[in-house]
């Protein structure tokens, strides 16, 4: 056993591995910066035009944040479906509104890095593709709403990218994980270090 993660300690666990420079943490921060740049551009676009309204732009930005939070159950359900596609029979999701995090769980189902990667990235990939397509079918003010949905939605994936960073940092150990829903613990197992100590 490499690690035992109590679900109530999820946030510090994720923060630890998001601070490590892996391809997953870099992709996460870079994606957020790109989308933030897009939102900023749509916010100030046409600032010098007479019909520009800061309050209208702000309203559309808030719409985007609200829609992103409204999509959380859909996002978690896609995680659950991804688990089921790999054979997990007892998939579910849990939420801690006090600490504002949500997590998909597969009780007693052993997952390797490849399976965790599919489960973690499926909702983000699907949502990002749909939102990019939406950008072409809405007017300039609603593009800000769509970009705001994308910003909030992307930011919500720190847990998934933190978990993938953990797997990346321990790739030599061929890590597998499973959830114990009853006790609210996730376990991580890996191969022992095979280096010769003589």
Protein backbone atom coordinates (compact mmCIF):
# COMPACT_ATOMS: atom_id res chain seq x y z
CA UNK A 1 0.00 0.00 0.00
CA UNK A 2 1.43 3.36 -1.05
CA UNK A 3 -1.21 5.72 0.30
CA UNK A 4 -4.52 5.76 2.09
CA UNK A 5 -6.65 8.81 1.28
CA UNK A 6 -9.52 9.67 3.59
CA UNK A 7 -12.09 11.52 1.52
CA UNK A 8 -12.35 14.33 4.04
CA UNK A 9 -8.62 14.96 3.38
CA UNK A 10 -9.04 15.12 -0.38
CA UNK A 11 -8.28 18.84 -0.75
CA UNK A 12 -4.77 18.81 0.82
CA UNK A 13 -3.96 15.60 -1.09
CA UNK A 14 -4.88 17.23 -4.40
CA UNK A 15 -3.06 20.46 -3.54
CA UNK A 16 0.12 18.49 -2.83
CA UNK A 17 0.15 16.85 -6.26
CA UNK A 18 -1.02 19.92 -8.17
CA UNK A 19 2.11 21.69 -6.88
CA UNK A 20 4.29 19.07 -8.57
CA UNK A 21 5.34 19.77 -12.14
CA UNK A 22 3.89 16.98 -14.23
CA UNK A 23 2.34 17.10 -17.67
CA UNK A 24 -1.08 16.96 -16.00
CA UNK A 25 -0.56 19.91 -13.65
CA UNK A 26 0.97 21.93 -16.51
CA UNK A 27 -1.97 21.12 -18.83
CA UNK A 28 -4.45 22.06 -16.08
CA UNK A 29 -2.90 25.46 -15.32
CA UNK A 30 -2.26 26.24 -18.98
CA UNK A 31 -5.85 25.36 -19.93
CA UNK A 32 -7.20 27.63 -17.21
CA UNK A 33 -4.97 30.49 -18.32
CA UNK A 34 -6.07 30.12 -21.96
CA UNK A 35 -9.77 30.08 -21.04
CA UNK A 36 -9.29 33.01 -18.64
CA UNK A 37 -7.68 34.92 -21.51
CA UNK A 38 -10.66 34.08 -23.73
CA UNK A 39 -13.13 35.27 -21.09
CA UNK A 40 -11.16 38.50 -20.62
CA UNK A 41 -11.14 39.11 -24.37
CA UNK A 42 -14.93 38.63 -24.65
CA UNK A 43 -15.43 40.85 -21.61
CA UNK A 44 -13.67 43.87 -23.14
CA UNK A 45 -14.43 43.17 -26.80
CA UNK A 46 -16.14 46.22 -28.32
CA UNK A 47 -15.39 48.39 -25.28
CA UNK A 48 -15.18 51.54 -27.47
CA UNK A 49 -18.50 50.90 -29.21
CA UNK A 50 -21.49 52.99 -28.09
CA UNK A 51 -23.67 49.94 -27.35
CA UNK A 52 -21.07 48.34 -25.02
CA UNK A 53 -22.51 47.66 -21.57
CA UNK A 54 -20.35 46.46 -18.68
CA UNK A 55 -23.42 45.38 -16.69
CA UNK A 56 -24.69 43.24 -19.59
CA UNK A 57 -21.27 41.57 -19.94
CA UNK A 58 -21.12 40.97 -16.19
CA UNK A 59 -24.60 39.44 -16.27
CA UNK A 60 -23.58 37.05 -19.06
CA UNK A 61 -20.42 36.15 -17.14
CA UNK A 62 -22.51 35.28 -14.06
CA UNK A 63 -24.87 33.25 -16.25
CA UNK A 64 -21.89 31.18 -17.32
CA UNK A 65 -20.78 30.48 -13.75
CA UNK A 66 -24.33 29.49 -12.76
CA UNK A 67 -24.68 27.15 -15.76
CA UNK A 68 -21.32 25.50 -14.94
CA UNK A 69 -22.47 24.74 -11.39
CA UNK A 70 -25.79 23.49 -12.74
CA UNK A 71 -23.89 21.04 -14.96
CA UNK A 72 -22.05 19.44 -12.02
CA UNK A 73 -24.45 16.48 -11.69
CA UNK A 74 -24.07 15.78 -15.44
CA UNK A 75 -20.28 15.99 -15.11
CA UNK A 76 -20.25 13.50 -12.23
CA UNK A 77 -22.66 11.20 -14.05
CA UNK A 78 -20.25 11.03 -17.01
CA UNK A 79 -17.50 10.02 -14.54
CA UNK A 80 -19.82 7.27 -13.27
CA UNK A 81 -20.60 6.08 -16.82
CA UNK A 82 -16.86 5.98 -17.58
CA UNK A 83 -16.34 3.77 -14.52
CA UNK A 84 -19.20 1.51 -15.61
CA UNK A 85 -17.69 1.23 -19.10
CA UNK A 86 -14.62 -0.34 -17.45
CA UNK A 87 -16.74 -2.85 -15.53
CA UNK A 88 -17.37 -1.10 -12.19
CA UNK A 89 -20.69 -2.32 -10.80
CA UNK A 90 -21.09 0.04 -7.82
CA UNK A 91 -20.36 3.49 -9.22
CA UNK A 92 -21.68 6.60 -7.54
CA UNK A 93 -20.69 10.12 -6.64
CA UNK A 94 -20.36 12.04 -3.43
CA UNK A 95 -20.29 15.73 -2.58
CA UNK A 96 -18.93 17.85 0.23
CA UNK A 97 -20.70 21.18 -0.08
CA UNK A 98 -18.82 22.61 2.88
CA UNK A 99 -15.46 22.16 1.13
CA UNK A 100 -17.08 22.49 -2.31
CA UNK A 101 -15.84 19.33 -3.93
CA UNK A 102 -17.49 16.46 -5.77
CA UNK A 103 -16.07 13.03 -6.48
CA UNK A 104 -16.99 9.98 -8.52
CA UNK A 105 -16.49 6.68 -6.72
CA UNK A 106 -16.32 3.03 -7.74
CA UNK A 107 -16.71 0.96 -4.61
CA UNK A 108 -14.18 -1.92 -4.40
CA UNK A 109 -13.32 -1.55 -8.11
CA UNK A 110 -9.58 -1.68 -8.82
CA UNK A 111 -8.51 0.90 -11.44
CA UNK A 112 -5.14 1.36 -13.08
CA UNK A 113 -3.69 4.59 -14.47
CA UNK A 114 -5.21 4.18 -17.92
CA UNK A 115 -8.69 3.59 -16.52
CA UNK A 116 -8.39 6.52 -14.09
CA UNK A 117 -7.28 8.72 -16.99
CA UNK A 118 -10.42 7.86 -19.00
CA UNK A 119 -12.68 8.40 -15.98
CA UNK A 120 -10.98 11.69 -15.06
CA UNK A 121 -10.86 13.27 -18.51
CA UNK A 122 -14.10 12.08 -20.15
CA UNK A 123 -16.40 14.85 -18.84
CA UNK A 124 -13.85 17.59 -19.50
CA UNK A 125 -13.22 16.39 -23.07
CA UNK A 126 -16.92 16.07 -23.90
CA UNK A 127 -17.89 19.41 -22.32
CA UNK A 128 -15.00 21.32 -23.89
CA UNK A 129 -15.84 20.03 -27.36
CA UNK A 130 -19.53 20.94 -26.98
CA UNK A 131 -18.72 24.41 -25.61
CA UNK A 132 -16.26 25.15 -28.42
CA UNK A 133 -18.98 24.24 -30.94
CA UNK A 134 -21.48 26.47 -29.11
CA UNK A 135 -19.13 29.45 -29.59
CA UNK A 136 -20.00 29.40 -33.31
CA UNK A 137 -23.77 29.53 -32.82
CA UNK A 138 -24.29 32.35 -30.32
CA UNK A 139 -23.97 36.14 -30.50
CA UNK A 140 -21.07 38.09 -28.96
CA UNK A 141 -22.62 38.50 -25.50
CA UNK A 142 -23.51 34.82 -25.25
CA UNK A 143 -20.00 33.86 -26.33
CA UNK A 144 -18.94 35.36 -23.01
CA UNK A 145 -21.47 33.12 -21.24
CA UNK A 146 -20.15 30.03 -23.05
CA UNK A 147 -16.55 31.00 -22.29
CA UNK A 148 -17.48 31.55 -18.62
CA UNK A 149 -19.02 28.08 -18.47
CA UNK A 150 -15.77 26.72 -19.91
CA UNK A 151 -13.69 28.69 -17.36
CA UNK A 152 -15.62 27.46 -14.32
CA UNK A 153 -15.91 23.94 -15.73
CA UNK A 154 -12.16 23.68 -16.41
CA UNK A 155 -11.29 25.06 -12.97
CA UNK A 156 -13.39 22.33 -11.35
CA UNK A 157 -11.03 19.62 -12.60
CA UNK A 158 -8.17 20.25 -10.18
CA UNK A 159 -9.06 17.02 -8.35
CA UNK A 160 -8.90 14.93 -11.50
CA UNK A 161 -5.62 16.47 -12.63
CA UNK A 162 -4.17 16.18 -9.12
CA UNK A 163 -5.01 12.47 -9.09
CA UNK A 164 -3.42 12.01 -12.52
CA UNK A 165 -0.31 13.87 -11.29
CA UNK A 166 -0.11 11.37 -8.43
CA UNK A 167 -0.16 8.49 -10.91
CA UNK A 168 2.44 10.20 -13.10
CA UNK A 169 4.83 10.77 -10.19
CA UNK A 170 4.52 7.10 -9.22
CA UNK A 171 4.48 5.64 -12.74
CA UNK A 172 7.32 3.16 -12.06
CA UNK A 173 5.21 1.56 -9.33
CA UNK A 174 2.30 0.78 -11.69
CA UNK A 175 -0.23 2.20 -9.25
CA UNK A 176 -3.76 0.88 -8.89
CA UNK A 177 -6.49 2.39 -6.73
CA UNK A 178 -9.86 1.47 -5.32
CA UNK A 179 -12.52 3.19 -3.20
CA UNK A 180 -14.01 2.00 0.06
CA UNK A 181 -17.27 3.93 0.02
CA UNK A 182 -18.47 2.74 3.42
CA UNK A 183 -15.39 4.05 5.23
CA UNK A 184 -14.85 6.97 2.82
CA UNK A 185 -11.27 5.99 1.99
CA UNK A 186 -9.41 5.49 -1.29
CA UNK A 187 -6.41 3.16 -1.35
CA UNK A 188 -3.39 3.27 -3.64
CA UNK A 189 -1.25 0.20 -4.20
CA UNK A 190 1.89 -0.21 -6.27
CA UNK A 191 4.88 -2.44 -6.88
CA UNK A 192 7.68 -2.35 -4.34
CA UNK A 193 10.95 -0.68 -5.29
CA UNK A 194 12.98 -3.42 -6.96
CA UNK A 195 16.35 -1.64 -6.75
CA UNK A 196 19.21 -3.71 -5.37
CA UNK A 197 20.17 -2.36 -1.96
CA UNK A 198 23.40 -4.40 -1.56
